[in-house]
Amino acid sequence: MIGTTPLAAPTLAMPVDSAPGSVSDSTPQSHLGKRLSWAPSCAQGADAVMTPMAAVTAKKYLYRLTQKQPSWIAPKDTSLVSQISDFAFKVNHAVCQWLQIEPAVPVVASRNGEISLAQQIARHPAARCAVSALLGSAIDLVTRVYGEMEGALKIIQAVSPAIESQPNGRASVVSAQFTSVGSVGWNGINILKVRQSGDFREQCTQFDTLVNSPMFKDLLVEIATRPDLSEKCQDLVDLPFLRQAYEQNSDNLYRYSSDFKLAQDQSRQPPPNGVAPYAVDSAASLVDTRGLTVNQLKYHLQNPINGASPATVLHPAKTVRDFAAINHINLAEVKVVSDYGDAAWVPVETSDFVQKSHFAGLPVAAGPSGTTNRFMMAGRLLAPGGQRKLGLPPAQDGARPADRLAYLELMRFALYGFLVADRHHSFSEVNAGAAEHGLAPQCGREIYSAPFSADISGRDFDCGNQDLARLAPVLSVPSPA
């Protein structure tokens, strides 16, 4: 209900001649979309002070929407959810604060619902083909430049899970790292097999680790600056885009934009002192919930917290449960340490990004996804090879808009299956990272129902929005039409 203590008028721009008139009780709810159409046009003046007349009008208007018709952005009205602008967000929250009322917040999906949907996406042929093509393109580039033998050794060194530290100011020490569930450890044969037979998580992890390694980033700089390597790799790398990226950020090709970095920093913070920035699960629970593989289990068994000796001989088996049985391993006692995004970061509820996500009914986990930003940047640099492996037409400047978007949308689709399914990020956070590369930032239920601008047919896969329509029930919202 409306509070009795007067509050200062909110700082908002809404031209009086554009503001809606007084709202009568007879106004049908079906006209809500039309009545909101004025909001986006007012965004340019968002820093001006609302006049008293406009403030009174907005007060009546938003009170009508938030109090008497709280379903104005309910999931069933998808077209209206899609039209919510930054200005509408500011109007709603500023006026609700002025009136001392709680804004109506739709419940579109739960965090668990998103994870369930993402797990199904991870099994989709389009997501699997996209990641396989990206990883194959990155490996092809390394072996093209260094040759098969030296290239394989460089890849093994680049993706082996290790962390460099300087204890007590001494020389750098490289030690084993056990926080990546998707790693297969240090065995060179297992690492090289990931390209052909690794599961979805293993391929995503290996691609992200490889392209973010100093070796790979140095290689990209060499290709950008050496004519002989440019010519040698022109069918694998988008050379104009690589040179542009190098000219803008020669010291870090994957550097985020300042706006993205600011939004990321403001929307999350480390966990409180005394709370570990990682999660510890049992291998038994991860076999059931996240499809832990035999190679992933072998890697985590070597963690000192599990007490296994490196010299222990383990008998092979195809499934995790068979492997555990034949080697007398109690999966419930094996600890798996994971640096999940939602364990390493705590959302800042007062930040702009988190409030906008809640306003649209979208869960949050760890803030805008820097991994998505980096992953897609590397994918764009490797576009010629990746598109060819996927059977997509080259996304040149003269290509159809759908062809230019298909490759980017497939990468974003795969990242849902990787980052959301493994509890690193939410759908809206992945979208925030993808928006840095030209994809529209979806702000409502279309984030689940319309990831593609058109149907995509590639080598060994077909996909479109109809695939998500079949998966949508896991979100506990009505399936899109």
Protein backbone atom coordinates (compact mmCIF):
# COMPACT_ATOMS: atom_id res chain seq x y z
CA MET A 1 0.00 0.00 0.00
CA ILE A 2 1.02 3.63 -0.44
CA GLY A 3 3.19 5.02 2.32
CA THR A 4 2.36 8.21 4.16
CA THR A 5 5.89 9.66 4.24
CA PRO A 6 6.43 11.91 1.20
CA LEU A 7 9.48 11.07 -0.90
CA ALA A 8 11.41 13.22 -3.33
CA ALA A 9 10.29 12.93 -6.93
CA PRO A 10 12.47 10.46 -8.81
CA THR A 11 15.05 11.68 -11.29
CA LEU A 12 13.48 10.53 -14.52
CA ALA A 13 12.66 11.93 -17.91
CA MET A 14 9.19 11.48 -19.31
CA PRO A 15 7.97 14.22 -21.66
CA VAL A 16 4.56 15.37 -20.58
CA ASP A 17 3.12 15.26 -24.07
CA SER A 18 4.27 11.63 -24.46
CA ALA A 19 3.10 10.37 -21.09
CA PRO A 20 -0.07 8.34 -20.97
CA GLY A 21 -3.17 10.01 -19.69
CA SER A 22 -5.06 9.06 -16.58
CA VAL A 23 -5.95 5.39 -16.49
CA SER A 24 -9.55 4.46 -15.98
CA ASP A 25 -10.64 1.20 -14.41
CA SER A 26 -12.32 0.26 -17.66
CA THR A 27 -9.07 0.16 -19.66
CA PRO A 28 -8.77 -3.43 -20.93
CA GLN A 29 -5.61 -5.33 -19.99
CA SER A 30 -5.06 -6.30 -23.62
CA HIS A 31 -4.14 -2.68 -24.36
CA LEU A 32 -1.17 -2.73 -22.00
CA GLY A 33 1.34 -3.25 -24.78
CA LYS A 34 -0.01 -0.25 -26.69
CA ARG A 35 -0.02 1.86 -23.54
CA LEU A 36 3.66 1.06 -22.94
CA SER A 37 4.75 2.01 -26.44
CA TRP A 38 5.66 5.55 -25.33
CA ALA A 39 8.38 4.40 -22.94
CA PRO A 40 11.30 3.56 -25.28
CA SER A 41 10.99 6.89 -27.10
CA CYS A 42 11.68 8.73 -23.85
CA ALA A 43 15.01 7.05 -23.13
CA GLN A 44 17.16 9.85 -24.57
CA GLY A 45 16.06 12.25 -21.84
CA ALA A 46 16.58 9.84 -18.98
CA ASP A 47 18.82 12.23 -17.05
CA ALA A 48 16.36 15.13 -16.90
CA VAL A 49 14.18 15.77 -13.84
CA MET A 50 10.57 14.68 -14.09
CA THR A 51 8.18 17.59 -13.95
CA PRO A 52 5.47 17.59 -11.26
CA MET A 53 2.74 17.06 -13.87
CA ALA A 54 4.59 14.12 -15.44
CA ALA A 55 5.35 12.70 -12.00
CA VAL A 56 1.67 12.70 -11.02
CA THR A 57 0.69 11.12 -14.31
CA ALA A 58 3.39 8.48 -14.01
CA LYS A 59 2.36 7.80 -10.43
CA LYS A 60 -1.19 7.00 -11.51
CA TYR A 61 -0.02 5.01 -14.49
CA LEU A 62 2.57 2.84 -12.73
CA TYR A 63 0.34 2.35 -9.70
CA ARG A 64 -2.27 0.96 -12.05
CA LEU A 65 0.26 -1.40 -13.62
CA THR A 66 2.02 -2.56 -10.48
CA GLN A 67 -0.89 -2.75 -8.07
CA LYS A 68 -4.12 -3.40 -9.94
CA GLN A 69 -2.69 -5.34 -12.86
CA PRO A 70 0.43 -7.08 -11.55
CA SER A 71 0.40 -9.53 -14.44
CA TRP A 72 1.37 -6.88 -17.00
CA ILE A 73 4.66 -8.64 -17.59
CA ALA A 74 3.55 -12.12 -16.65
CA PRO A 75 5.07 -14.97 -18.68
CA LYS A 76 1.89 -15.37 -20.75
CA ASP A 77 2.43 -11.93 -22.31
CA THR A 78 5.72 -12.64 -24.08
CA SER A 79 5.51 -9.76 -26.53
CA LEU A 80 5.32 -7.26 -23.68
CA VAL A 81 8.23 -8.81 -21.82
CA SER A 82 10.32 -8.42 -24.96
CA GLN A 83 9.54 -4.70 -25.17
CA ILE A 84 10.69 -3.75 -21.66
CA SER A 85 13.39 -1.12 -22.08
CA ASP A 86 15.90 0.37 -19.70
CA PHE A 87 13.63 3.37 -19.41
CA ALA A 88 10.61 1.28 -18.48
CA PHE A 89 12.72 -0.42 -15.84
CA LYS A 90 13.76 2.93 -14.37
CA VAL A 91 10.20 4.29 -14.45
CA ASN A 92 8.76 1.27 -12.71
CA HIS A 93 11.33 1.09 -9.91
CA ALA A 94 11.67 4.83 -9.35
CA VAL A 95 7.93 5.39 -9.09
CA CYS A 96 7.42 2.29 -6.97
CA GLN A 97 10.08 3.61 -4.60
CA TRP A 98 8.34 7.00 -4.59
CA LEU A 99 5.03 5.34 -3.77
CA GLN A 100 6.66 2.94 -1.28
CA ILE A 101 5.19 -0.11 -2.99
CA GLU A 102 6.80 -3.32 -4.14
CA PRO A 103 7.09 -3.59 -7.94
CA ALA A 104 5.43 -6.55 -9.61
CA VAL A 105 8.10 -9.07 -10.49
CA PRO A 106 7.20 -11.95 -12.81
CA VAL A 107 8.51 -15.42 -12.14
CA VAL A 108 9.75 -16.65 -15.51
CA ALA A 109 12.11 -19.42 -14.48
CA SER A 110 13.93 -20.76 -11.46
CA ARG A 111 17.68 -21.34 -11.31
CA ASN A 112 17.11 -25.10 -11.22
CA GLY A 113 14.78 -24.80 -14.19
CA GLU A 114 17.50 -23.03 -16.17
CA ILE A 115 20.04 -25.68 -15.23
CA SER A 116 17.68 -28.46 -16.35
CA LEU A 117 17.12 -26.73 -19.69
CA ALA A 118 20.85 -26.15 -20.15
CA GLN A 119 21.60 -29.82 -19.45
CA GLN A 120 19.27 -30.76 -22.29
CA ILE A 121 20.90 -28.18 -24.56
CA ALA A 122 24.29 -29.76 -23.79
CA ARG A 123 22.98 -32.99 -25.34
CA HIS A 124 21.65 -31.26 -28.46
CA PRO A 125 23.58 -32.11 -31.68
CA ALA A 126 23.88 -28.41 -32.60
CA ALA A 127 25.63 -27.54 -29.32
CA ARG A 128 27.92 -30.55 -29.54
CA CYS A 129 28.82 -29.88 -33.19
CA ALA A 130 29.51 -26.21 -32.46
CA VAL A 131 32.00 -26.96 -29.69
CA SER A 132 33.64 -29.78 -31.63
CA ALA A 133 34.15 -27.42 -34.58
CA LEU A 134 35.64 -24.70 -32.38
CA LEU A 135 38.04 -27.07 -30.63
CA GLY A 136 39.04 -28.67 -33.93
CA SER A 137 39.72 -25.27 -35.47
CA ALA A 138 41.92 -24.19 -32.54
CA ILE A 139 43.91 -27.45 -32.66
CA ASP A 140 44.26 -27.22 -36.46
CA LEU A 141 45.73 -23.74 -36.11
CA VAL A 142 48.34 -24.83 -33.59
CA THR A 143 49.40 -27.88 -35.60
CA ARG A 144 49.39 -25.88 -38.86
CA VAL A 145 51.98 -23.49 -37.45
CA TYR A 146 54.09 -25.84 -35.31
CA GLY A 147 53.60 -29.19 -37.04
CA GLU A 148 51.89 -32.30 -35.70
CA MET A 149 54.45 -33.38 -33.11
CA GLU A 150 55.48 -30.01 -31.66
CA GLY A 151 51.90 -28.74 -31.92
CA ALA A 152 50.58 -31.71 -29.93
CA LEU A 153 53.16 -31.11 -27.20
CA LYS A 154 52.24 -27.43 -26.99
CA ILE A 155 48.54 -28.28 -26.72
CA ILE A 156 49.20 -30.80 -23.92
CA GLN A 157 51.24 -28.22 -22.01
CA ALA A 158 48.65 -25.48 -22.58
CA VAL A 159 45.61 -27.40 -21.31
CA SER A 160 47.15 -29.41 -18.46
CA PRO A 161 45.48 -28.23 -15.24
CA ALA A 162 48.15 -26.31 -13.38
CA ILE A 163 48.47 -23.05 -11.48
CA GLU A 164 51.58 -20.89 -11.16
CA SER A 165 52.40 -19.28 -7.83
CA GLN A 166 55.30 -17.60 -6.03
CA PRO A 167 55.34 -18.85 -2.43
CA ASN A 168 57.10 -16.46 -0.02
CA GLY A 169 58.39 -14.39 -2.91
CA ARG A 170 60.51 -17.24 -4.26
CA ALA A 171 60.78 -18.47 -7.84
CA SER A 172 57.57 -19.41 -9.61
CA VAL A 173 56.23 -22.85 -8.78
CA VAL A 174 53.80 -24.73 -10.98
CA SER A 175 51.47 -27.02 -9.07
CA ALA A 176 48.52 -29.21 -9.95
CA GLN A 177 45.09 -27.63 -10.06
CA PHE A 178 41.96 -29.59 -9.17
CA THR A 179 39.09 -27.14 -9.61
CA SER A 180 38.00 -27.84 -13.19
CA VAL A 181 35.44 -30.62 -13.41
CA GLY A 182 35.83 -30.80 -17.20
CA SER A 183 39.57 -31.44 -17.19
CA VAL A 184 40.94 -34.89 -18.01
CA GLY A 185 44.23 -34.31 -16.16
CA TRP A 186 47.80 -34.46 -17.41
CA ASN A 187 47.84 -37.66 -19.48
CA GLY A 188 48.82 -36.54 -22.98
CA ILE A 189 46.94 -39.35 -24.69
CA ASN A 190 43.72 -38.54 -22.84
CA ILE A 191 44.14 -34.83 -23.66
CA LEU A 192 44.58 -35.48 -27.37
CA LYS A 193 41.62 -37.87 -27.41
CA VAL A 194 39.23 -35.16 -26.22
CA ARG A 195 38.94 -33.76 -29.74
CA GLN A 196 37.49 -36.97 -31.13
CA SER A 197 35.90 -38.71 -28.17
CA GLY A 198 35.65 -36.22 -25.31
CA ASP A 199 32.23 -35.42 -23.91
CA PHE A 200 30.64 -31.98 -24.25
CA ARG A 201 32.04 -30.62 -20.97
CA GLU A 202 35.55 -31.88 -21.74
CA GLN A 203 35.56 -30.28 -25.20
CA CYS A 204 34.24 -26.95 -23.88
CA THR A 205 36.81 -26.94 -21.08
CA GLN A 206 39.67 -27.82 -23.40
CA PHE A 207 38.74 -25.14 -25.94
CA ASP A 208 38.39 -22.43 -23.31
CA THR A 209 41.66 -23.42 -21.63
CA LEU A 210 43.55 -23.69 -24.92
CA VAL A 211 42.51 -20.34 -26.42
CA ASN A 212 43.14 -18.58 -23.10
CA SER A 213 46.65 -20.01 -22.74
CA PRO A 214 49.68 -17.72 -23.22
CA MET A 215 50.88 -20.00 -26.02
CA PHE A 216 47.70 -19.57 -28.07
CA LYS A 217 47.41 -15.82 -27.49
CA ASP A 218 51.05 -15.34 -28.50
CA LEU A 219 50.38 -17.40 -31.61
CA LEU A 220 47.50 -15.13 -32.61
CA VAL A 221 49.75 -12.07 -32.22
CA GLU A 222 52.39 -13.75 -34.41
CA ILE A 223 49.79 -14.44 -37.10
CA ALA A 224 48.56 -10.84 -36.93
CA THR A 225 52.06 -9.37 -37.32
CA ARG A 226 53.91 -11.83 -39.56
CA PRO A 227 52.95 -11.90 -43.26
CA ASP A 228 54.25 -15.45 -43.73
CA LEU A 229 52.03 -16.82 -40.93
CA SER A 230 49.08 -14.71 -42.10
CA GLU A 231 49.28 -16.30 -45.51
CA LYS A 232 49.75 -19.77 -44.03
CA CYS A 233 46.66 -19.50 -41.79
CA GLN A 234 44.31 -17.39 -43.90
CA ASP A 235 41.80 -20.24 -44.28
CA LEU A 236 41.66 -20.81 -40.51
CA VAL A 237 41.64 -17.27 -39.09
CA ASP A 238 39.56 -14.17 -39.80
CA LEU A 239 42.59 -12.02 -40.59
CA PRO A 240 40.84 -8.63 -40.92
CA PHE A 241 39.12 -9.13 -37.57
CA LEU A 242 42.35 -10.39 -35.95
CA ARG A 243 44.29 -7.35 -37.16
CA GLN A 244 41.56 -5.02 -35.97
CA ALA A 245 41.59 -6.68 -32.53
CA TYR A 246 45.39 -6.43 -32.41
CA GLU A 247 45.37 -2.73 -33.31
CA GLN A 248 42.85 -2.02 -30.55
CA ASN A 249 44.32 -4.27 -27.83
CA SER A 250 47.78 -5.51 -28.78
CA ASP A 251 48.51 -6.67 -25.24
CA ASN A 252 45.26 -8.64 -24.77
CA LEU A 253 43.14 -9.64 -27.77
CA TYR A 254 40.32 -10.77 -25.47
CA ARG A 255 40.08 -7.55 -23.42
CA TYR A 256 36.52 -6.68 -22.42
CA SER A 257 34.97 -3.34 -23.24
CA SER A 258 35.05 -0.85 -20.36
CA ASP A 259 31.24 -0.85 -20.12
CA PHE A 260 31.12 -4.65 -19.87
CA LYS A 261 33.88 -4.75 -17.26
CA LEU A 262 32.13 -2.08 -15.21
CA ALA A 263 28.82 -3.95 -15.31
CA GLN A 264 30.61 -7.15 -14.32
CA ASP A 265 32.47 -5.54 -11.42
CA GLN A 266 29.36 -3.81 -10.08
CA SER A 267 27.12 -6.88 -10.26
CA ARG A 268 29.19 -9.35 -8.22
CA GLN A 269 31.61 -9.65 -5.33
CA PRO A 270 33.72 -12.43 -3.79
CA PRO A 271 32.11 -14.51 -1.05
CA PRO A 272 32.50 -13.26 2.54
CA ASN A 273 35.67 -14.02 4.49
CA GLY A 274 35.65 -17.57 5.70
CA VAL A 275 33.53 -18.85 2.81
CA ALA A 276 35.50 -20.88 0.28
CA PRO A 277 35.21 -19.67 -3.35
CA TYR A 278 34.54 -23.20 -4.56
CA ALA A 279 32.16 -26.09 -4.02
CA VAL A 280 32.93 -29.62 -2.89
CA ASP A 281 30.66 -32.39 -4.16
CA SER A 282 30.88 -36.14 -3.99
CA ALA A 283 31.69 -37.99 -7.19
CA ALA A 284 28.52 -40.03 -6.65
CA SER A 285 26.32 -36.91 -6.81
CA LEU A 286 28.10 -35.59 -9.91
CA VAL A 287 27.67 -38.89 -11.74
CA ASP A 288 23.92 -38.59 -11.24
CA THR A 289 23.50 -34.85 -11.77
CA ARG A 290 26.26 -33.80 -14.16
CA GLY A 291 27.41 -36.90 -16.00
CA LEU A 292 30.91 -37.17 -14.53
CA THR A 293 33.05 -39.28 -16.88
CA VAL A 294 35.74 -41.87 -16.15
CA ASN A 295 38.58 -39.56 -17.24
CA GLN A 296 37.20 -36.71 -15.14
CA LEU A 297 36.98 -39.04 -12.14
CA LYS A 298 40.58 -40.22 -12.65
CA TYR A 299 41.73 -36.59 -12.62
CA HIS A 300 39.95 -35.81 -9.34
CA LEU A 301 41.13 -39.02 -7.69
CA GLN A 302 44.67 -37.59 -7.87
CA ASN A 303 43.66 -34.64 -5.67
CA PRO A 304 45.52 -35.06 -2.35
CA ILE A 305 42.26 -34.62 -0.43
CA ASN A 306 41.20 -38.03 -1.76
CA GLY A 307 44.32 -39.74 -0.49
CA ALA A 308 45.07 -41.71 -3.67
CA SER A 309 48.66 -42.54 -4.49
CA PRO A 310 49.86 -41.49 -7.97
CA ALA A 311 51.36 -44.96 -8.30
CA THR A 312 48.00 -46.68 -7.83
CA VAL A 313 47.17 -48.91 -10.81
CA LEU A 314 43.57 -48.44 -11.93
CA HIS A 315 41.81 -50.94 -14.14
CA PRO A 316 39.95 -49.47 -17.14
CA ALA A 317 36.20 -49.51 -17.57
CA LYS A 318 33.71 -47.73 -19.85
CA THR A 319 31.31 -46.35 -17.25
CA VAL A 320 32.04 -44.56 -13.99
CA ARG A 321 30.11 -47.06 -11.89
CA ASP A 322 31.89 -50.03 -13.50
CA PHE A 323 35.21 -48.24 -13.03
CA ALA A 324 34.43 -47.65 -9.36
CA ALA A 325 33.31 -51.22 -8.82
CA ILE A 326 36.31 -52.90 -10.44
CA ASN A 327 38.74 -50.60 -8.60
CA HIS A 328 36.89 -50.75 -5.25
CA ILE A 329 36.24 -46.99 -5.16
CA ASN A 330 33.44 -45.59 -3.01
CA LEU A 331 32.14 -42.73 -5.15
CA ALA A 332 30.34 -41.18 -2.19
CA GLU A 333 33.70 -40.63 -0.48
CA VAL A 334 35.51 -39.12 -3.49
CA LYS A 335 35.56 -35.32 -3.21
CA VAL A 336 35.34 -33.20 -6.35
CA VAL A 337 36.34 -29.54 -5.96
CA SER A 338 34.76 -27.14 -8.46
CA ASP A 339 35.15 -23.39 -8.91
CA TYR A 340 31.54 -22.88 -10.01
CA GLY A 341 30.65 -19.33 -10.87
CA ASP A 342 27.89 -19.26 -8.27
CA ALA A 343 30.37 -20.49 -5.64
CA ALA A 344 33.16 -18.08 -6.57
CA TRP A 345 30.92 -14.98 -6.76
CA VAL A 346 27.98 -13.48 -4.89
CA PRO A 347 25.53 -11.27 -6.86
CA VAL A 348 25.20 -7.65 -5.70
CA GLU A 349 21.44 -7.32 -5.38
CA THR A 350 21.49 -3.53 -5.68
CA SER A 351 23.44 -3.51 -8.96
CA ASP A 352 21.79 -2.41 -12.19
CA PHE A 353 22.32 -5.76 -13.93
CA VAL A 354 20.89 -7.86 -11.10
CA GLN A 355 17.87 -5.60 -10.64
CA LYS A 356 17.08 -5.64 -14.36
CA SER A 357 17.36 -9.43 -14.43
CA HIS A 358 15.02 -9.76 -11.45
CA PHE A 359 12.66 -7.23 -12.98
CA ALA A 360 12.36 -9.47 -16.05
CA GLY A 361 12.06 -12.60 -13.90
CA LEU A 362 15.48 -13.99 -14.90
CA PRO A 363 17.75 -15.74 -12.37
CA VAL A 364 21.30 -14.56 -11.72
CA ALA A 365 24.36 -16.48 -10.55
CA ALA A 366 27.70 -14.69 -10.98
CA GLY A 367 27.26 -11.53 -13.04
CA PRO A 368 27.83 -10.91 -16.79
CA SER A 369 29.85 -13.79 -18.21
CA GLY A 370 33.44 -12.94 -19.08
CA THR A 371 33.98 -16.55 -20.18
CA THR A 372 31.25 -16.11 -22.80
CA ASN A 373 32.87 -12.89 -24.00
CA ARG A 374 36.30 -14.54 -24.32
CA PHE A 375 34.94 -17.81 -25.75
CA MET A 376 33.03 -15.99 -28.50
CA MET A 377 35.94 -13.67 -29.26
CA ALA A 378 38.15 -16.69 -29.88
CA GLY A 379 35.38 -18.31 -31.93
CA ARG A 380 35.08 -15.21 -34.12
CA LEU A 381 38.84 -15.16 -34.69
CA LEU A 382 38.62 -18.82 -35.78
CA ALA A 383 35.46 -18.26 -37.85
CA PRO A 384 36.71 -19.47 -41.29
CA GLY A 385 37.72 -22.86 -39.92
CA GLY A 386 34.76 -23.14 -37.54
CA GLN A 387 32.15 -22.26 -40.15
CA ARG A 388 33.63 -24.69 -42.63
CA LYS A 389 33.57 -27.55 -40.11
CA LEU A 390 29.94 -26.75 -39.25
CA GLY A 391 28.92 -26.64 -42.91
CA LEU A 392 27.80 -23.01 -42.63
CA PRO A 393 28.20 -20.43 -45.40
CA PRO A 394 31.01 -17.95 -44.72
CA ALA A 395 29.68 -14.97 -42.77
CA GLN A 396 31.16 -12.27 -45.00
CA ASP A 397 29.93 -8.69 -44.98
CA GLY A 398 27.70 -9.37 -47.98
CA ALA A 399 26.14 -12.50 -46.49
CA ARG A 400 22.50 -12.72 -45.51
CA PRO A 401 21.84 -11.47 -41.95
CA ALA A 402 20.80 -14.98 -40.91
CA ASP A 403 24.12 -16.39 -42.17
CA ARG A 404 26.09 -13.76 -40.27
CA LEU A 405 24.18 -14.52 -37.07
CA ALA A 406 24.05 -18.32 -37.31
CA TYR A 407 27.65 -18.91 -36.20
CA LEU A 408 27.35 -16.51 -33.26
CA GLU A 409 24.00 -17.93 -32.17
CA LEU A 410 25.36 -21.48 -32.26
CA MET A 411 28.23 -20.46 -29.98
CA ARG A 412 25.82 -18.80 -27.54
CA PHE A 413 23.57 -21.89 -27.64
CA ALA A 414 26.53 -24.13 -26.79
CA LEU A 415 27.57 -21.82 -23.95
CA TYR A 416 24.14 -22.24 -22.36
CA GLY A 417 24.86 -25.96 -22.25
CA PHE A 418 28.36 -25.43 -20.84
CA LEU A 419 28.14 -22.52 -18.40
CA VAL A 420 24.54 -22.72 -17.19
CA ALA A 421 24.44 -26.51 -16.87
CA ASP A 422 27.63 -26.45 -14.78
CA ARG A 423 26.36 -23.66 -12.48
CA HIS A 424 28.84 -21.03 -13.65
CA HIS A 425 26.27 -18.55 -14.98
CA SER A 426 22.62 -17.96 -15.78
CA PHE A 427 21.06 -17.50 -19.23
CA SER A 428 20.90 -13.71 -18.85
CA GLU A 429 24.59 -13.60 -17.88
CA VAL A 430 25.62 -15.64 -20.91
CA ASN A 431 23.52 -13.30 -23.04
CA ALA A 432 25.29 -10.28 -21.57
CA GLY A 433 28.62 -11.66 -22.75
CA ALA A 434 27.22 -12.64 -26.15
CA ALA A 435 25.75 -9.15 -26.63
CA GLU A 436 29.32 -7.82 -26.77
CA HIS A 437 29.63 -9.63 -30.11
CA GLY A 438 26.56 -8.29 -31.86
CA LEU A 439 23.74 -10.52 -30.63
CA ALA A 440 20.61 -8.82 -29.32
CA PRO A 441 20.45 -8.71 -25.49
CA GLN A 442 17.22 -10.58 -24.83
CA CYS A 443 15.43 -9.35 -21.73
CA GLY A 444 12.46 -11.66 -21.23
CA ARG A 445 11.14 -15.13 -21.88
CA GLU A 446 12.41 -15.06 -25.45
CA ILE A 447 15.81 -15.80 -23.92
CA TYR A 448 14.53 -19.39 -23.57
CA SER A 449 12.18 -19.65 -26.55
CA ALA A 450 13.97 -17.75 -29.33
CA PRO A 451 17.77 -18.18 -29.29
CA PHE A 452 17.88 -18.34 -33.10
CA SER A 453 16.88 -15.68 -35.61
CA ALA A 454 16.22 -18.40 -38.21
CA ASP A 455 16.46 -22.18 -38.54
CA ILE A 456 20.04 -23.41 -39.03
CA SER A 457 21.07 -26.47 -41.05
CA GLY A 458 24.66 -27.58 -40.83
CA ARG A 459 26.79 -30.67 -41.17
CA ASP A 460 25.23 -33.39 -38.97
CA PHE A 461 22.72 -31.10 -37.24
CA ASP A 462 19.60 -28.98 -37.65
CA CYS A 463 18.27 -26.57 -35.06
CA GLY A 464 15.72 -23.84 -34.55
CA ASN A 465 13.46 -22.29 -31.98
CA GLN A 466 11.10 -25.25 -32.22
CA ASP A 467 13.74 -27.33 -30.41
CA LEU A 468 13.53 -25.03 -27.40
CA ALA A 469 9.73 -25.14 -27.52
CA ARG A 470 9.94 -28.86 -26.80
CA LEU A 471 12.34 -28.30 -23.89
CA ALA A 472 10.61 -25.29 -22.30
CA PRO A 473 8.41 -27.22 -19.82
CA VAL A 474 11.46 -27.82 -17.59
CA LEU A 475 11.33 -24.10 -16.77
CA SER A 476 7.89 -24.42 -15.17
CA VAL A 477 6.45 -21.86 -17.58
CA PRO A 478 4.02 -22.41 -20.47
CA SER A 479 5.72 -23.60 -23.63
CA PRO A 480 6.09 -20.91 -26.31
CA ALA A 481 3.60 -21.03 -29.14
